[in-house]
């Protein structure tokens, strides 16, 4: 806010601050998309397990019997 009050001579500094912030936000979005992808894959696995009544290959109890 203070830079804005200093006028047009701070435009490049303010622009750089926004570019840096944009990169940080884009990185966070990318990480969140990776988390969401993992969640969707797990949900797909669970949906398949529930519908097909397959053995839960993630459960150590069934490791020797897993497909």
PDB file of N, CA and C in Angstrom:
ATOM      1  N   UNK A   1       0.822  -1.190   0.000  1.00  0.00           N
ATOM      2  CA  UNK A   1       0.000   0.000   0.000  1.00  0.00           C
ATOM      3  C   UNK A   1       0.867   1.255   0.000  1.00  0.00           C
ATOM      4  N   UNK A   2       1.955   1.237   0.726  1.00  0.00           N
ATOM      5  CA  UNK A   2       2.818   2.414   0.789  1.00  0.00           C
ATOM      6  C   UNK A   2       3.441   2.733  -0.559  1.00  0.00           C
ATOM      7  N   UNK A   3       3.823   1.704  -1.306  1.00  0.00           N
ATOM      8  CA  UNK A   3       4.410   1.941  -2.629  1.00  0.00           C
ATOM      9  C   UNK A   3       3.427   2.652  -3.546  1.00  0.00           C
ATOM     10  N   UNK A   4       2.189   2.259  -3.467  1.00  0.00           N
ATOM     11  CA  UNK A   4       1.155   2.880  -4.302  1.00  0.00           C
ATOM     12  C   UNK A   4       1.040   4.371  -3.993  1.00  0.00           C
ATOM     13  N   UNK A   5       1.142   4.694  -2.742  1.00  0.00           N
ATOM     14  CA  UNK A   5       1.035   6.097  -2.338  1.00  0.00           C
ATOM     15  C   UNK A   5       2.232   6.922  -2.804  1.00  0.00           C
ATOM     16  N   UNK A   6       3.338   6.245  -3.093  1.00  0.00           N
ATOM     17  CA  UNK A   6       4.531   6.963  -3.554  1.00  0.00           C
ATOM     18  C   UNK A   6       4.431   7.376  -5.021  1.00  0.00           C
ATOM     19  N   UNK A   7       3.475   6.829  -5.730  1.00  0.00           N
ATOM     20  CA  UNK A   7       3.238   7.278  -7.096  1.00  0.00           C
ATOM     21  C   UNK A   7       3.807   6.376  -8.176  1.00  0.00           C
ATOM     22  N   UNK A   8       3.802   6.918  -9.396  1.00  0.00           N
ATOM     23  CA  UNK A   8       4.163   6.153 -10.592  1.00  0.00           C
ATOM     24  C   UNK A   8       5.609   5.662 -10.612  1.00  0.00           C
ATOM     25  N   UNK A   9       6.487   6.308  -9.872  1.00  0.00           N
ATOM     26  CA  UNK A   9       7.890   5.866  -9.902  1.00  0.00           C
ATOM     27  C   UNK A   9       8.080   4.488  -9.263  1.00  0.00           C
ATOM     28  N   UNK A  10       7.058   3.966  -8.601  1.00  0.00           N
ATOM     29  CA  UNK A  10       7.156   2.631  -7.989  1.00  0.00           C
ATOM     30  C   UNK A  10       6.418   1.564  -8.793  1.00  0.00           C
ATOM     31  N   UNK A  11       5.936   1.912  -9.968  1.00  0.00           N
ATOM     32  CA  UNK A  11       5.144   0.959 -10.761  1.00  0.00           C
ATOM     33  C   UNK A  11       5.937  -0.314 -11.060  1.00  0.00           C
ATOM     34  N   UNK A  12       7.177  -0.213 -11.470  1.00  0.00           N
ATOM     35  CA  UNK A  12       7.973  -1.409 -11.792  1.00  0.00           C
ATOM     36  C   UNK A  12       8.182  -2.287 -10.562  1.00  0.00           C
ATOM     37  N   UNK A  13       8.422  -1.681  -9.418  1.00  0.00           N
ATOM     38  CA  UNK A  13       8.586  -2.449  -8.177  1.00  0.00           C
ATOM     39  C   UNK A  13       7.287  -3.163  -7.833  1.00  0.00           C
ATOM     40  N   UNK A  14       6.175  -2.458  -7.937  1.00  0.00           N
ATOM     41  CA  UNK A  14       4.870  -3.065  -7.645  1.00  0.00           C
ATOM     42  C   UNK A  14       4.550  -4.178  -8.630  1.00  0.00           C
ATOM     43  N   UNK A  15       4.906  -3.968  -9.888  1.00  0.00           N
ATOM     44  CA  UNK A  15       4.687  -4.995 -10.912  1.00  0.00           C
ATOM     45  C   UNK A  15       5.491  -6.244 -10.574  1.00  0.00           C
ATOM     46  N   UNK A  16       6.741  -6.071 -10.176  1.00  0.00           N
ATOM     47  CA  UNK A  16       7.586  -7.215  -9.835  1.00  0.00           C
ATOM     48  C   UNK A  16       7.033  -7.964  -8.618  1.00  0.00           C
ATOM     49  N   UNK A  17       6.536  -7.232  -7.655  1.00  0.00           N
ATOM     50  CA  UNK A  17       5.910  -7.863  -6.486  1.00  0.00           C
ATOM     51  C   UNK A  17       4.739  -8.732  -6.928  1.00  0.00           C
ATOM     52  N   UNK A  18       3.928  -8.211  -7.846  1.00  0.00           N
ATOM     53  CA  UNK A  18       2.777  -8.979  -8.331  1.00  0.00           C
ATOM     54  C   UNK A  18       3.210 -10.199  -9.134  1.00  0.00           C
ATOM     55  N   UNK A  19       4.258 -10.066  -9.942  1.00  0.00           N
ATOM     56  CA  UNK A  19       4.768 -11.214 -10.699  1.00  0.00           C
ATOM     57  C   UNK A  19       5.278 -12.304  -9.761  1.00  0.00           C
ATOM     58  N   UNK A  20       5.997 -11.908  -8.728  1.00  0.00           N
ATOM     59  CA  UNK A  20       6.490 -12.875  -7.744  1.00  0.00           C
ATOM     60  C   UNK A  20       5.334 -13.575  -7.042  1.00  0.00           C
ATOM     61  N   UNK A  21       4.340 -12.805  -6.669  1.00  0.00           N
ATOM     62  CA  UNK A  21       3.172 -13.372  -5.997  1.00  0.00           C
ATOM     63  C   UNK A  21       2.429 -14.328  -6.932  1.00  0.00           C
ATOM     64  N   UNK A  22       2.315 -13.951  -8.192  1.00  0.00           N
ATOM     65  CA  UNK A  22       1.649 -14.801  -9.185  1.00  0.00           C
ATOM     66  C   UNK A  22       2.352 -16.148  -9.291  1.00  0.00           C
ATOM     67  N   UNK A  23       3.683 -16.134  -9.351  1.00  0.00           N
ATOM     68  CA  UNK A  23       4.442 -17.390  -9.435  1.00  0.00           C
ATOM     69  C   UNK A  23       4.200 -18.270  -8.209  1.00  0.00           C
ATOM     70  N   UNK A  24       4.179 -17.653  -7.040  1.00  0.00           N
ATOM     71  CA  UNK A  24       3.917 -18.407  -5.811  1.00  0.00           C
ATOM     72  C   UNK A  24       2.533 -19.051  -5.844  1.00  0.00           C
ATOM     73  N   UNK A  25       1.543 -18.303  -6.281  1.00  0.00           N
ATOM     74  CA  UNK A  25       0.177 -18.821  -6.349  1.00  0.00           C
ATOM     75  C   UNK A  25       0.085 -19.945  -7.378  1.00  0.00           C
ATOM     76  N   UNK A  26       0.745 -19.775  -8.517  1.00  0.00           N
ATOM     77  CA  UNK A  26       0.738 -20.827  -9.545  1.00  0.00           C
ATOM     78  C   UNK A  26       1.376 -22.106  -9.018  1.00  0.00           C
ATOM     79  N   UNK A  27       2.439 -21.993  -8.244  1.00  0.00           N
ATOM     80  CA  UNK A  27       3.074 -23.173  -7.657  1.00  0.00           C
ATOM     81  C   UNK A  27       2.140 -23.860  -6.664  1.00  0.00           C
ATOM     82  N   UNK A  28       1.442 -23.083  -5.871  1.00  0.00           N
ATOM     83  CA  UNK A  28       0.491 -23.658  -4.918  1.00  0.00           C
ATOM     84  C   UNK A  28      -0.649 -24.358  -5.646  1.00  0.00           C
ATOM     85  N   UNK A  29      -1.124 -23.752  -6.721  1.00  0.00           N
ATOM     86  CA  UNK A  29      -2.191 -24.366  -7.518  1.00  0.00           C
ATOM     87  C   UNK A  29      -1.712 -25.685  -8.107  1.00  0.00           C
ATOM     88  N   UNK A  30      -0.501 -25.707  -8.625  1.00  0.00           N
ATOM     89  CA  UNK A  30       0.061 -26.936  -9.179  1.00  0.00           C
ATOM     90  C   UNK A  30       0.129 -28.024  -8.114  1.00  0.00           C
ATOM     91  N   UNK A  31       0.597 -27.673  -6.922  1.00  0.00           N
ATOM     92  CA  UNK A  31       0.676 -28.652  -5.837  1.00  0.00           C
ATOM     93  C   UNK A  31      -0.710 -29.150  -5.455  1.00  0.00           C
ATOM     94  N   UNK A  32      -1.680 -28.260  -5.388  1.00  0.00           N
ATOM     95  CA  UNK A  32      -3.046 -28.657  -5.053  1.00  0.00           C
ATOM     96  C   UNK A  32      -3.626 -29.583  -6.122  1.00  0.00           C
ATOM     97  N   UNK A  33      -3.307 -29.327  -7.393  1.00  0.00           N
ATOM     98  CA  UNK A  33      -3.774 -30.205  -8.468  1.00  0.00           C
ATOM     99  C   UNK A  33      -3.171 -31.594  -8.335  1.00  0.00           C
ATOM    100  N   UNK A  34      -1.912 -31.670  -7.911  1.00  0.00           N
ATOM    101  CA  UNK A  34      -1.288 -32.974  -7.688  1.00  0.00           C
ATOM    102  C   UNK A  34      -1.978 -33.712  -6.547  1.00  0.00           C
ATOM    103  N   UNK A  35      -2.276 -32.999  -5.463  1.00  0.00           N
ATOM    104  CA  UNK A  35      -3.005 -33.602  -4.347  1.00  0.00           C
ATOM    105  C   UNK A  35      -4.375 -34.083  -4.807  1.00  0.00           C
ATOM    106  N   UNK A  36      -5.068 -33.256  -5.585  1.00  0.00           N
ATOM    107  CA  UNK A  36      -6.394 -33.619  -6.068  1.00  0.00           C
ATOM    108  C   UNK A  36      -6.332 -34.851  -6.962  1.00  0.00           C
ATOM    109  N   UNK A  37      -5.312 -34.946  -7.791  1.00  0.00           N
ATOM    110  CA  UNK A  37      -5.145 -36.111  -8.651  1.00  0.00           C
ATOM    111  C   UNK A  37      -4.967 -37.376  -7.814  1.00  0.00           C
ATOM    112  N   UNK A  38      -4.166 -37.305  -6.762  1.00  0.00           N
ATOM    113  CA  UNK A  38      -3.982 -38.468  -5.881  1.00  0.00           C
ATOM    114  C   UNK A  38      -5.291 -38.855  -5.209  1.00  0.00           C
ATOM    115  N   UNK A  39      -6.030 -37.869  -4.749  1.00  0.00           N
ATOM    116  CA  UNK A  39      -7.318 -38.138  -4.111  1.00  0.00           C
ATOM    117  C   UNK A  39      -8.265 -38.802  -5.098  1.00  0.00           C
ATOM    118  N   UNK A  40      -8.339 -38.290  -6.315  1.00  0.00           N
ATOM    119  CA  UNK A  40      -9.220 -38.877  -7.328  1.00  0.00           C
ATOM    120  C   UNK A  40      -8.826 -40.305  -7.661  1.00  0.00           C
ATOM    121  N   UNK A  41      -7.520 -40.582  -7.732  1.00  0.00           N
ATOM    122  CA  UNK A  41      -7.068 -41.948  -8.000  1.00  0.00           C
ATOM    123  C   UNK A  41      -7.468 -42.888  -6.871  1.00  0.00           C
ATOM    124  N   UNK A  42      -7.323 -42.433  -5.641  1.00  0.00           N
ATOM    125  CA  UNK A  42      -7.725 -43.268  -4.506  1.00  0.00           C
ATOM    126  C   UNK A  42      -9.229 -43.491  -4.504  1.00  0.00           C
ATOM    127  N   UNK A  43      -9.998 -42.453  -4.795  1.00  0.00           N
ATOM    128  CA  UNK A  43     -11.448 -42.613  -4.859  1.00  0.00           C
ATOM    129  C   UNK A  43     -11.847 -43.581  -5.969  1.00  0.00           C
ATOM    130  N   UNK A  44     -11.175 -43.497  -7.111  1.00  0.00           N
ATOM    131  CA  UNK A  44     -11.443 -44.427  -8.202  1.00  0.00           C
ATOM    132  C   UNK A  44     -11.157 -45.860  -7.750  1.00  0.00           C
ATOM    133  N   UNK A  45     -10.054 -46.058  -7.053  1.00  0.00           N
ATOM    134  CA  UNK A  45      -9.704 -47.382  -6.539  1.00  0.00           C
ATOM    135  C   UNK A  45     -10.790 -47.872  -5.581  1.00  0.00           C
ATOM    136  N   UNK A  46     -11.193 -47.015  -4.635  1.00  0.00           N
ATOM    137  CA  UNK A  46     -12.206 -47.414  -3.664  1.00  0.00           C
ATOM    138  C   UNK A  46     -13.538 -47.697  -4.341  1.00  0.00           C
ATOM    139  N   UNK A  47     -13.909 -46.881  -5.318  1.00  0.00           N
ATOM    140  CA  UNK A  47     -15.150 -47.126  -6.051  1.00  0.00           C
ATOM    141  C   UNK A  47     -15.101 -48.477  -6.749  1.00  0.00           C
ATOM    142  N   UNK A  48     -13.975 -48.778  -7.374  1.00  0.00           N
ATOM    143  CA  UNK A  48     -13.812 -50.062  -8.055  1.00  0.00           C
ATOM    144  C   UNK A  48     -13.887 -51.205  -7.044  1.00  0.00           C
ATOM    145  N   UNK A  49     -13.275 -51.044  -5.907  1.00  0.00           N
ATOM    146  CA  UNK A  49     -13.275 -52.068  -4.867  1.00  0.00           C
ATOM    147  C   UNK A  49     -14.686 -52.325  -4.362  1.00  0.00           C
ATOM    148  N   UNK A  50     -15.430 -51.264  -4.089  1.00  0.00           N
ATOM    149  CA  UNK A  50     -16.781 -51.403  -3.545  1.00  0.00           C
ATOM    150  C   UNK A  50     -17.702 -52.071  -4.554  1.00  0.00           C
ATOM    151  N   UNK A  51     -17.637 -51.655  -5.804  1.00  0.00           N
ATOM    152  CA  UNK A  51     -18.520 -52.205  -6.830  1.00  0.00           C
ATOM    153  C   UNK A  51     -18.134 -53.638  -7.173  1.00  0.00           C
ATOM    154  N   UNK A  52     -16.844 -53.871  -7.341  1.00  0.00           N
ATOM    155  CA  UNK A  52     -16.396 -55.182  -7.784  1.00  0.00           C
ATOM    156  C   UNK A  52     -16.095 -56.161  -6.681  1.00  0.00           C
ATOM    157  N   UNK A  53     -16.110 -55.698  -5.438  1.00  0.00           N
ATOM    158  CA  UNK A  53     -15.784 -56.540  -4.301  1.00  0.00           C
ATOM    159  C   UNK A  53     -14.423 -57.216  -4.454  1.00  0.00           C
ATOM    160  N   UNK A  54     -13.471 -56.496  -5.055  1.00  0.00           N
ATOM    161  CA  UNK A  54     -12.114 -57.013  -5.192  1.00  0.00           C
ATOM    162  C   UNK A  54     -11.429 -57.049  -3.837  1.00  0.00           C
ATOM    163  N   UNK A  55     -10.328 -57.785  -3.780  1.00  0.00           N
ATOM    164  CA  UNK A  55      -9.499 -57.794  -2.577  1.00  0.00           C
ATOM    165  C   UNK A  55      -8.756 -56.472  -2.498  1.00  0.00           C
ATOM    166  N   UNK A  56      -8.703 -55.902  -1.317  1.00  0.00           N
ATOM    167  CA  UNK A  56      -8.018 -54.628  -1.096  1.00  0.00           C
ATOM    168  C   UNK A  56      -6.515 -54.874  -1.066  1.00  0.00           C
ATOM    169  N   UNK A  57      -5.847 -54.632  -2.201  1.00  0.00           N
ATOM    170  CA  UNK A  57      -4.414 -54.910  -2.295  1.00  0.00           C
ATOM    171  C   UNK A  57      -3.575 -53.943  -1.462  1.00  0.00           C
ATOM    172  N   UNK A  58      -4.172 -52.884  -0.949  1.00  0.00           N
ATOM    173  CA  UNK A  58      -3.448 -51.948  -0.074  1.00  0.00           C
ATOM    174  C   UNK A  58      -3.465 -52.412   1.378  1.00  0.00           C
ATOM    175  N   UNK A  59      -4.322 -53.338   1.688  1.00  0.00           N
ATOM    176  CA  UNK A  59      -4.440 -53.838   3.047  1.00  0.00           C
ATOM    177  C   UNK A  59      -3.393 -54.928   3.270  1.00  0.00           C
ATOM    178  N   UNK A  60      -2.495 -54.754   4.246  1.00  0.00           N
ATOM    179  CA  UNK A  60      -1.440 -55.754   4.491  1.00  0.00           C
ATOM    180  C   UNK A  60      -1.996 -57.148   4.771  1.00  0.00           C
ATOM    181  N   UNK A  61      -3.204 -57.226   5.271  1.00  0.00           N
ATOM    182  CA  UNK A  61      -3.838 -58.509   5.571  1.00  0.00           C
ATOM    183  C   UNK A  61      -3.953 -59.382   4.317  1.00  0.00           C
ATOM    184  N   UNK A  62      -4.087 -58.747   3.140  1.00  0.00           N
ATOM    185  CA  UNK A  62      -4.297 -59.478   1.897  1.00  0.00           C
ATOM    186  C   UNK A  62      -3.093 -59.439   0.965  1.00  0.00           C
ATOM    187  N   UNK A  63      -1.939 -59.018   1.431  1.00  0.00           N
ATOM    188  CA  UNK A  63      -0.768 -58.853   0.554  1.00  0.00           C
ATOM    189  C   UNK A  63      -0.428 -60.133  -0.204  1.00  0.00           C
ATOM    190  N   UNK A  64      -0.505 -61.264   0.425  1.00  0.00           N
ATOM    191  CA  UNK A  64      -0.127 -62.511  -0.252  1.00  0.00           C
ATOM    192  C   UNK A  64      -1.191 -62.975  -1.228  1.00  0.00           C
ATOM    193  N   UNK A  65      -2.417 -62.478  -1.061  1.00  0.00           N
ATOM    194  CA  UNK A  65      -3.504 -62.896  -1.946  1.00  0.00           C
ATOM    195  C   UNK A  65      -3.832 -61.854  -2.997  1.00  0.00           C
ATOM    196  N   UNK A  66      -3.156 -60.714  -2.975  1.00  0.00           N
ATOM    197  CA  UNK A  66      -3.484 -59.633  -3.911  1.00  0.00           C
ATOM    198  C   UNK A  66      -3.194 -60.044  -5.337  1.00  0.00           C
ATOM    199  N   UNK A  67      -3.948 -59.432  -6.256  1.00  0.00           N
ATOM    200  CA  UNK A  67      -3.785 -59.716  -7.682  1.00  0.00           C
ATOM    201  C   UNK A  67      -2.451 -59.234  -8.171  1.00  0.00           C
TER     202      UNK A  67
END
